[in-house]
């Protein structure tokens, strides 16, 4: 690794911390929005969501993965989604069941991952989980900006995918918790 790359290994975690620090600003933008949509909040939310891609790519490129990043990055993503979902609820953009399902799923996933880690079972976000998170973030950002009916249907698809990925994590966890030799 070059000297410059080594000197930049702090950058992915700094981006994650910055994303966390911006969440109160986003929340205020959403809670003070005057209608069911807010283009400025949508753009800010999307920019924060994109930092997740950036910090992950940088961490891999700089070989700067860390225990802090493995914990803080997914937590920042879940908190970003929580703020976004609370915001669209406060703006009256989506009916409450969909955002509530995703919030509960995220809370249960975080609690489950922590509970499993304390028992020596390390769970990782898989490809389906990343697709689900990306779809959730994308549709929430678009939903913050526009009130078209088709966005509601895409949001419903995101909610269903969230439930399917949660069921998959539960399946994986159950398999990993089984004593060896049991099928």
Protein backbone atom coordinates (compact mmCIF):
# COMPACT_ATOMS: atom_id res chain seq x y z
CA UNK A 1 0.00 0.00 0.00
CA UNK A 2 1.36 3.38 -0.94
CA UNK A 3 2.15 5.98 1.71
CA UNK A 4 -0.70 8.20 0.54
CA UNK A 5 -3.23 5.37 0.70
CA UNK A 6 -2.01 4.44 4.16
CA UNK A 7 -2.46 8.05 5.30
CA UNK A 8 -6.07 8.05 4.06
CA UNK A 9 -7.19 4.91 5.91
CA UNK A 10 -9.13 7.12 8.37
CA UNK A 11 -11.35 8.52 5.62
CA UNK A 12 -14.06 5.80 5.40
CA UNK A 13 -14.76 5.99 9.14
CA UNK A 14 -14.74 9.80 9.00
CA UNK A 15 -17.39 9.67 6.25
CA UNK A 16 -19.51 7.33 8.39
CA UNK A 17 -19.18 9.69 11.38
CA UNK A 18 -20.11 12.65 9.16
CA UNK A 19 -23.20 10.76 7.97
CA UNK A 20 -24.22 10.20 11.59
CA UNK A 21 -23.58 13.86 12.43
CA UNK A 22 -25.85 14.97 9.56
CA UNK A 23 -28.87 12.98 10.75
CA UNK A 24 -30.22 15.71 13.08
CA UNK A 25 -30.06 18.21 10.20
CA UNK A 26 -32.02 15.80 7.99
CA UNK A 27 -34.58 15.23 10.73
CA UNK A 28 -35.17 18.97 11.13
CA UNK A 29 -35.53 19.34 7.34
CA UNK A 30 -38.14 16.60 7.28
CA UNK A 31 -40.06 17.71 10.35
CA UNK A 32 -40.30 21.29 9.09
CA UNK A 33 -41.31 20.37 5.53
CA UNK A 34 -44.55 22.03 4.53
CA UNK A 35 -46.06 19.29 2.42
CA UNK A 36 -46.01 15.62 1.72
CA UNK A 37 -42.75 16.12 -0.19
CA UNK A 38 -39.52 18.08 0.21
CA UNK A 39 -37.02 18.19 -2.63
CA UNK A 40 -34.23 19.65 -0.45
CA UNK A 41 -34.69 16.89 2.15
CA UNK A 42 -34.80 14.26 -0.61
CA UNK A 43 -31.54 15.51 -2.11
CA UNK A 44 -29.86 15.64 1.32
CA UNK A 45 -31.14 12.14 2.16
CA UNK A 46 -29.89 10.80 -1.19
CA UNK A 47 -26.49 12.44 -0.68
CA UNK A 48 -26.19 10.83 2.76
CA UNK A 49 -27.23 7.46 1.30
CA UNK A 50 -24.56 7.78 -1.39
CA UNK A 51 -21.89 8.31 1.26
CA UNK A 52 -22.53 4.70 2.28
CA UNK A 53 -21.38 3.54 -1.15
CA UNK A 54 -18.42 5.90 -1.04
CA UNK A 55 -17.15 4.92 2.39
CA UNK A 56 -17.51 1.22 1.58
CA UNK A 57 -15.61 1.55 -1.71
CA UNK A 58 -12.90 3.59 0.00
CA UNK A 59 -12.57 1.10 2.86
CA UNK A 60 -12.03 -1.72 0.37
CA UNK A 61 -9.70 0.27 -1.89
CA UNK A 62 -7.59 1.53 1.01
CA UNK A 63 -7.72 -1.82 2.82
CA UNK A 64 -9.12 0.17 5.71
CA UNK A 65 -11.84 -2.11 7.00
CA UNK A 66 -12.10 -1.98 10.78
CA UNK A 67 -14.20 -3.29 13.63
CA UNK A 68 -15.51 0.24 14.11
CA UNK A 69 -16.56 0.42 10.46
CA UNK A 70 -18.20 -3.00 10.56
CA UNK A 71 -20.41 -1.75 13.40
CA UNK A 72 -20.79 1.97 12.70
CA UNK A 73 -21.49 1.79 8.96
CA UNK A 74 -24.55 -0.52 9.14
CA UNK A 75 -25.74 1.37 12.22
CA UNK A 76 -25.46 4.68 10.31
CA UNK A 77 -27.45 3.12 7.45
CA UNK A 78 -30.21 1.92 9.75
CA UNK A 79 -30.34 5.28 11.54
CA UNK A 80 -30.48 7.10 8.19
CA UNK A 81 -33.40 4.91 7.18
CA UNK A 82 -35.08 5.47 10.56
CA UNK A 83 -34.80 9.24 10.20
CA UNK A 84 -36.03 9.06 6.60
CA UNK A 85 -38.97 6.86 7.51
CA UNK A 86 -39.94 9.00 10.50
CA UNK A 87 -39.72 12.00 8.18
CA UNK A 88 -41.99 10.57 5.48
CA UNK A 89 -44.44 9.61 8.20
CA UNK A 90 -44.33 13.12 9.67
CA UNK A 91 -44.85 14.63 6.21
CA UNK A 92 -47.78 12.28 5.59
CA UNK A 93 -46.09 10.93 2.47
CA UNK A 94 -46.59 7.20 3.11
CA UNK A 95 -49.26 5.43 5.15
CA UNK A 96 -47.86 4.30 8.51
CA UNK A 97 -47.83 0.49 8.09
CA UNK A 98 -45.03 0.36 5.48
CA UNK A 99 -42.51 2.57 7.28
CA UNK A 100 -43.40 0.90 10.59
CA UNK A 101 -42.71 -2.56 9.12
CA UNK A 102 -39.27 -1.46 7.92
CA UNK A 103 -38.47 0.27 11.23
CA UNK A 104 -39.45 -2.82 13.24
CA UNK A 105 -37.57 -5.10 10.87
CA UNK A 106 -34.43 -2.97 11.17
CA UNK A 107 -34.71 -2.87 14.97
CA UNK A 108 -35.17 -6.63 15.18
CA UNK A 109 -32.29 -7.20 12.75
CA UNK A 110 -29.92 -5.02 14.78
CA UNK A 111 -31.00 -6.65 18.06
CA UNK A 112 -30.70 -10.11 16.51
CA UNK A 113 -27.25 -9.48 15.06
CA UNK A 114 -26.05 -8.24 18.48
CA UNK A 115 -27.65 -11.17 20.31
CA UNK A 116 -26.08 -13.63 17.89
CA UNK A 117 -22.65 -11.95 18.06
CA UNK A 118 -22.68 -12.35 21.85
CA UNK A 119 -23.16 -16.07 21.24
CA UNK A 120 -20.29 -16.25 18.77
CA UNK A 121 -22.44 -16.22 15.63
CA UNK A 122 -21.32 -13.47 13.30
CA UNK A 123 -23.91 -12.37 10.79
CA UNK A 124 -23.08 -10.25 7.78
CA UNK A 125 -25.31 -8.24 5.49
CA UNK A 126 -25.67 -10.37 2.37
CA UNK A 127 -26.29 -9.31 -1.23
CA UNK A 128 -30.09 -9.52 -0.85
CA UNK A 129 -29.88 -7.33 2.25
CA UNK A 130 -27.80 -4.77 0.37
CA UNK A 131 -30.30 -4.76 -2.51
CA UNK A 132 -33.15 -4.35 -0.05
CA UNK A 133 -31.40 -1.47 1.72
CA UNK A 134 -30.60 0.19 -1.58
CA UNK A 135 -34.19 -0.11 -2.77
CA UNK A 136 -35.48 1.19 0.57
CA UNK A 137 -33.15 4.18 0.50
CA UNK A 138 -33.88 4.91 -3.13
CA UNK A 139 -37.65 4.76 -2.85
CA UNK A 140 -37.67 6.80 0.37
CA UNK A 141 -35.55 9.49 -1.33
CA UNK A 142 -37.82 9.53 -4.39
CA UNK A 143 -40.89 9.46 -2.12
CA UNK A 144 -39.59 12.51 -0.27
CA UNK A 145 -39.31 14.37 -3.57
CA UNK A 146 -42.41 13.27 -5.49
CA UNK A 147 -45.94 12.16 -4.62
CA UNK A 148 -46.69 9.98 -7.68
CA UNK A 149 -48.83 6.88 -7.07
CA UNK A 150 -46.33 4.50 -8.70
CA UNK A 151 -43.83 5.40 -5.96
CA UNK A 152 -46.26 3.98 -3.40
CA UNK A 153 -46.24 0.66 -5.28
CA UNK A 154 -42.44 0.61 -5.44
CA UNK A 155 -42.39 1.37 -1.71
CA UNK A 156 -44.71 -1.59 -1.12
CA UNK A 157 -42.27 -3.79 -3.08
CA UNK A 158 -39.45 -2.46 -0.87
CA UNK A 159 -41.42 -3.35 2.26
CA UNK A 160 -42.04 -6.88 0.96
CA UNK A 161 -38.36 -7.31 0.05
CA UNK A 162 -37.45 -6.11 3.56
CA UNK A 163 -39.62 -8.84 5.05
CA UNK A 164 -38.17 -11.49 2.74
CA UNK A 165 -34.58 -10.54 3.59
CA UNK A 166 -35.46 -10.57 7.29
CA UNK A 167 -36.90 -14.07 6.92
CA UNK A 168 -33.68 -15.12 5.17
CA UNK A 169 -31.56 -13.74 8.05
CA UNK A 170 -33.73 -15.64 10.53
CA UNK A 171 -33.25 -18.83 8.49
CA UNK A 172 -29.47 -18.36 8.41
CA UNK A 173 -29.35 -17.60 12.14
CA UNK A 174 -31.37 -20.70 13.00
CA UNK A 175 -29.05 -22.86 10.89
CA UNK A 176 -25.95 -21.37 12.57
CA UNK A 177 -27.38 -21.85 16.05
CA UNK A 178 -28.11 -25.53 15.52
CA UNK A 179 -25.68 -27.91 17.15
CA UNK A 180 -23.42 -29.68 14.63
CA UNK A 181 -24.92 -32.84 13.21
CA UNK A 182 -28.55 -31.72 13.36
CA UNK A 183 -30.32 -31.03 10.09
